[in-house]
Protein backbone atom coordinates (compact mmCIF):
# COMPACT_ATOMS: atom_id res chain seq x y z
CA MET A 1 86.72 88.70 80.70
CA GLY A 2 87.78 87.19 84.00
CA ARG A 3 84.22 86.13 84.74
CA ILE A 4 84.51 82.83 82.90
CA GLN A 5 86.50 80.07 84.51
CA GLY A 6 87.78 76.81 83.18
CA ASP A 7 87.91 73.42 84.87
CA GLU A 8 90.88 74.29 87.05
CA GLY A 9 90.10 75.11 90.65
CA ARG A 10 86.37 74.43 90.25
CA ALA A 11 84.18 72.36 92.47
CA GLU A 12 83.21 68.94 91.15
CA ASP A 13 81.28 69.28 87.89
CA PRO A 14 77.59 68.58 88.68
CA PHE A 15 77.13 66.84 85.33
CA ARG A 16 80.05 64.42 85.66
CA PRO A 17 78.82 60.89 86.52
CA THR A 18 79.62 59.88 90.07
CA LYS A 19 79.91 56.46 91.62
CA GLY A 20 76.51 56.85 93.26
CA ARG A 21 74.80 57.71 89.97
CA THR A 22 76.48 54.80 88.20
CA GLU A 23 75.24 52.38 90.83
CA LEU A 24 71.70 53.76 90.55
CA ALA A 25 71.74 53.27 86.78
CA GLU A 26 72.78 49.64 87.19
CA ALA A 27 70.22 49.06 89.88
CA GLY A 28 67.27 50.67 88.11
CA PRO A 29 64.97 53.50 89.20
CA THR A 30 64.21 51.96 92.60
CA GLY A 31 67.87 51.96 93.61
CA LYS A 32 67.69 48.20 94.39
CA ARG A 33 69.42 45.51 92.42
CA PRO A 34 66.99 42.85 91.09
CA HIS A 35 67.32 39.37 92.50
CA GLY A 36 65.35 36.15 92.37
CA ASN A 37 61.71 36.46 91.23
CA ASP A 38 61.93 40.26 91.45
CA SER A 39 64.19 40.42 88.40
CA ALA A 40 61.46 40.54 85.73
CA ARG A 41 59.37 43.06 87.66
CA SER A 42 62.38 45.31 88.26
CA SER A 43 63.31 45.12 84.59
CA LEU A 44 59.78 46.14 83.62
CA ILE A 45 59.80 49.08 86.04
CA TYR A 46 63.17 50.21 84.69
CA PHE A 47 61.89 49.95 81.10
CA ILE A 48 58.82 52.08 81.95
CA PHE A 49 61.11 54.59 83.68
CA ARG A 50 63.29 54.88 80.58
CA VAL A 51 60.29 55.27 78.24
CA ALA A 52 58.78 57.98 80.44
CA ASN A 53 62.07 59.84 80.54
CA PHE A 54 62.43 59.56 76.75
CA LYS A 55 58.92 60.95 76.18
CA LYS A 56 59.69 63.84 78.51
CA ARG A 57 62.82 64.58 76.53
CA ARG A 58 60.83 64.50 73.27
CA GLU A 59 58.69 67.54 74.26
CA ILE A 60 59.66 69.97 71.50
CA MET A 61 60.55 73.57 72.28
CA HIS A 62 59.25 76.32 69.98
CA ILE A 63 60.13 79.99 70.10
CA PRO A 64 57.11 82.33 69.95
CA GLU A 65 56.13 83.31 66.40
CA LYS A 66 56.13 86.97 67.42
CA LEU A 67 59.80 86.67 68.38
CA ALA A 68 60.60 84.93 65.09
CA ASP A 69 58.77 87.63 63.11
CA GLU A 70 60.74 90.33 64.92
CA GLY A 71 63.97 88.57 64.04
CA LYS A 72 62.99 88.38 60.37
CA GLU A 73 62.04 92.05 60.31
CA ILE A 74 65.29 93.21 61.92
CA LEU A 75 67.41 91.56 59.22
CA ALA A 76 65.05 92.34 56.34
CA SER A 77 67.46 94.90 54.85
CA PHE A 78 70.57 92.73 55.28
CA PRO A 79 72.03 90.40 52.62
CA VAL A 80 70.49 87.30 54.20
CA GLU A 81 67.72 84.94 53.07
CA GLY A 82 65.34 82.42 54.59
CA PHE A 83 64.71 81.63 58.23
CA VAL A 84 65.42 78.38 60.10
CA TYR A 85 64.00 77.65 63.55
CA GLY A 86 66.00 75.89 66.22
CA LYS A 87 64.82 72.31 66.71
CA GLY A 88 64.91 69.89 69.59
CA PRO A 89 63.40 68.92 72.95
CA GLU A 90 62.98 71.13 75.99
CA ASN A 91 64.90 68.63 78.12
CA ALA A 92 67.81 68.16 75.76
CA ALA A 93 70.96 66.16 76.44
CA PHE A 94 72.73 69.39 75.47
CA MET A 95 72.27 72.43 73.24
CA LEU A 96 74.30 72.95 70.06
CA VAL A 97 74.93 76.52 68.91
CA GLY A 98 76.22 76.85 65.36
CA GLU A 99 76.89 79.81 63.07
CA ALA A 100 74.02 80.25 60.59
CA PRO A 101 72.02 78.11 58.15
CA GLY A 102 73.30 77.44 54.64
CA GLU A 103 71.63 76.92 51.30
CA THR A 104 70.29 73.43 52.14
CA GLU A 105 68.86 74.48 55.49
CA ILE A 106 66.86 77.47 54.24
CA HIS A 107 65.11 75.22 51.72
CA ASN A 108 64.19 72.34 54.02
CA GLY A 109 63.99 74.23 57.33
CA VAL A 110 66.15 71.68 59.17
CA PRO A 111 69.25 73.01 60.99
CA PHE A 112 72.51 71.26 60.10
CA SER A 113 71.09 69.18 57.26
CA GLY A 114 73.72 69.96 54.61
CA ARG A 115 77.32 68.74 54.32
CA ALA A 116 78.25 70.05 57.77
CA GLY A 117 75.13 68.36 59.14
CA LYS A 118 76.38 64.95 58.02
CA GLU A 119 79.57 65.55 60.02
CA LEU A 120 77.51 66.65 63.01
CA MET A 121 75.47 63.43 62.88
CA LYS A 122 78.75 61.48 63.08
CA PHE A 123 79.61 63.62 66.11
CA LEU A 124 76.33 62.69 67.81
CA GLU A 125 76.62 59.00 66.92
CA LYS A 126 79.97 58.83 68.71
CA LEU A 127 78.17 60.17 71.79
CA ASN A 128 75.42 57.54 71.40
CA LEU A 129 72.87 60.30 70.78
CA SER A 130 70.45 61.11 67.98
CA ARG A 131 69.36 64.44 66.51
CA GLU A 132 66.06 64.10 68.40
CA GLU A 133 67.82 64.11 71.79
CA VAL A 134 69.67 67.43 71.44
CA TYR A 135 68.58 70.99 70.71
CA ILE A 136 70.19 72.41 67.55
CA THR A 137 70.25 76.13 66.88
CA SER A 138 72.56 78.90 65.67
CA ALA A 139 73.62 82.48 66.37
CA VAL A 140 71.83 83.71 63.22
CA ARG A 141 68.69 82.07 61.76
CA SER A 142 68.89 83.40 58.21
CA ARG A 143 71.51 82.49 55.62
CA PRO A 144 74.14 85.24 55.19
CA TYR A 145 75.28 85.27 51.56
CA ARG A 146 77.59 87.06 49.15
CA TRP A 147 77.42 87.16 45.36
CA GLY A 148 80.14 85.40 43.39
CA GLU A 149 80.74 83.99 39.95
CA LYS A 150 81.29 80.47 38.67
CA LYS A 151 81.22 78.64 35.36
CA ASP A 152 78.30 76.37 34.59
CA LYS A 153 78.62 73.05 32.75
CA HIS A 154 78.53 74.87 29.43
CA GLY A 155 81.41 77.16 30.37
CA ASN A 156 79.25 80.22 30.85
CA VAL A 157 80.02 82.53 33.78
CA VAL A 158 77.00 82.84 36.04
CA LYS A 159 76.40 84.68 39.29
CA ARG A 160 75.37 82.75 42.37
CA LYS A 161 75.08 83.15 46.12
CA TYR A 162 77.78 81.79 48.45
CA ASN A 163 77.69 81.33 52.20
CA ARG A 164 79.62 83.81 54.34
CA PRO A 165 80.10 84.33 58.09
CA PRO A 166 77.44 86.52 59.72
CA THR A 167 78.41 90.05 60.70
CA ALA A 168 78.34 91.40 64.26
CA LYS A 169 75.16 93.37 63.47
CA GLU A 170 73.43 90.26 62.10
CA ILE A 171 74.38 88.26 65.18
CA LEU A 172 73.11 91.03 67.45
CA GLY A 173 69.89 91.29 65.45
CA HIS A 174 69.02 87.66 66.19
CA ALA A 175 70.43 87.63 69.72
CA PRO A 176 66.98 87.71 71.42
CA LEU A 177 66.07 84.43 69.68
CA LEU A 178 69.06 82.58 71.08
CA ASP A 179 68.52 84.23 74.48
CA TYR A 180 64.98 82.80 74.57
CA GLU A 181 66.20 79.30 73.71
CA ILE A 182 68.96 79.35 76.31
CA GLU A 183 66.41 80.40 78.92
CA HIS A 184 63.76 77.82 78.02
CA VAL A 185 65.72 74.74 76.90
CA LYS A 186 66.75 72.79 79.98
CA ALA A 187 70.15 71.71 78.71
CA PRO A 188 72.94 71.00 81.23
CA ILE A 189 75.65 71.91 78.70
CA ILE A 190 75.79 74.30 75.73
CA VAL A 191 78.13 73.07 72.99
CA THR A 192 79.32 75.89 70.75
CA LEU A 193 80.44 74.94 67.25
CA GLY A 194 83.23 77.18 65.97
CA ASN A 195 84.15 80.76 66.78
CA ILE A 196 80.81 82.41 65.99
CA GLY A 197 78.82 80.55 68.65
CA LEU A 198 81.64 80.82 71.18
CA LYS A 199 82.10 84.58 70.74
CA ARG A 200 78.34 85.18 70.72
CA LEU A 201 78.06 83.71 74.21
CA LEU A 202 81.38 84.57 75.85
CA GLY A 203 82.57 87.63 73.95
CA PRO A 204 85.22 88.50 71.34
CA GLY A 205 88.16 87.62 73.57
CA TYR A 206 87.60 83.88 73.18
CA LYS A 207 89.09 81.73 70.42
CA ILE A 208 88.09 78.18 69.60
CA THR A 209 91.71 77.15 69.07
CA GLU A 210 92.44 78.04 72.70
CA GLN A 211 89.24 76.97 74.45
CA HIS A 212 88.04 73.80 72.69
CA GLY A 213 87.53 70.55 74.54
CA ARG A 214 86.94 71.90 78.06
CA VAL A 215 84.09 73.31 80.11
CA LEU A 216 83.86 77.04 80.71
CA ARG A 217 81.53 77.89 83.58
CA GLY A 218 80.07 81.38 83.97
CA PRO A 219 77.50 83.91 82.70
CA VAL A 220 76.84 84.38 78.98
CA GLN A 221 76.07 87.42 76.87
CA LYS A 222 72.44 88.39 76.31
CA TYR A 223 70.79 91.13 74.28
CA ASN A 224 70.23 94.37 76.18
CA GLU A 225 68.98 97.51 74.38
CA GLY A 226 71.16 97.34 71.31
CA THR A 227 74.20 95.76 72.95
CA TYR A 228 75.10 92.86 75.25
CA SER A 229 75.07 92.43 79.01
CA TRP A 230 75.82 89.40 81.18
CA THR A 231 73.26 86.95 82.51
CA GLU A 232 72.95 86.51 86.25
CA LYS A 233 72.73 82.76 85.80
CA GLU A 234 75.84 80.72 85.06
CA PHE A 235 76.05 78.13 82.30
CA SER A 236 78.40 75.32 81.31
CA ILE A 237 79.84 76.03 77.86
CA PHE A 238 81.77 73.36 75.94
CA PRO A 239 83.45 74.80 72.81
CA THR A 240 84.50 72.61 69.90
CA PHE A 241 85.25 73.14 66.22
CA HIS A 242 82.52 73.62 63.66
CA PRO A 243 81.77 70.36 61.78
CA ALA A 244 82.57 72.08 58.45
CA SER A 245 86.11 72.82 59.63
CA VAL A 246 87.23 69.31 58.61
CA PHE A 247 86.50 70.14 54.96
CA TYR A 248 89.34 72.66 55.04
CA ASN A 249 91.66 71.02 57.55
CA ARG A 250 91.49 67.23 57.86
CA ARG A 251 93.92 67.31 60.76
CA LEU A 252 91.09 68.68 62.89
CA GLU A 253 89.30 65.31 62.74
CA GLU A 254 91.62 63.95 65.43
CA VAL A 255 91.20 67.10 67.54
CA ILE A 256 87.42 66.89 67.32
CA GLN A 257 87.55 63.22 68.30
CA GLU A 258 89.47 64.19 71.43
CA ASP A 259 86.82 66.83 72.18
CA ILE A 260 84.11 64.19 71.77
CA GLU A 261 85.82 61.93 74.30
CA ALA A 262 86.02 64.85 76.75
CA LEU A 263 82.35 65.71 76.24
CA LYS A 264 81.31 62.08 76.64
CA LYS A 265 82.70 62.10 80.19
CA LEU A 266 80.37 64.98 81.08
CA LEU A 267 77.14 63.38 79.84
């Protein structure tokens, strides 16, 4: 797995703000600082520039229905339920790759809308971004479940479905869907949430505990006749912990905050 490299020894990151870009942002789209009677006109031009850029970013990306139907059919015999489409603009600030939808998501069709989704929204707020400005997807689009038992309010033991991690076969079955999104969403950085997304893109040799909070630049895995091969194109991958991880380990809140600060410098 020597094909993926970290920050060390790399050329300057093309997405890191430079002095020249900072000056352009302060000056407005014309590159000239407003002065005198030109101030109002320059402010108006800059406002129009920002609105146009926002509208461009709001163009929503949809995977083809044929591809979605194929994904549903492949996992039809697996213990999964529902189907949730990735959501977000073609020109996203970045792409988020999670694990799989949960019970809430398969009912409302919105990725990361359950408990973990609330934590993810806090993540985005700290980056001064909204859900509408990023593309949110996952390695598997259907909810993997297992049967378990619990007591209801009357003390009766009832069976119910619980979330579980997706298997390697389930991840492979929906790999073409994520491949399509990676190819068509123009995101400068792909943020993987937890081990599932990280391993799906970079392989089983990567662990979130070792790679979080830094950029990994290189090819990613793509579906190829029942297995994976490497893309010719290189991507910038930024691994961080899954938002739900803080429910089980509150000490990770500080670690995730540090990852947010590192990601903020790249945007």
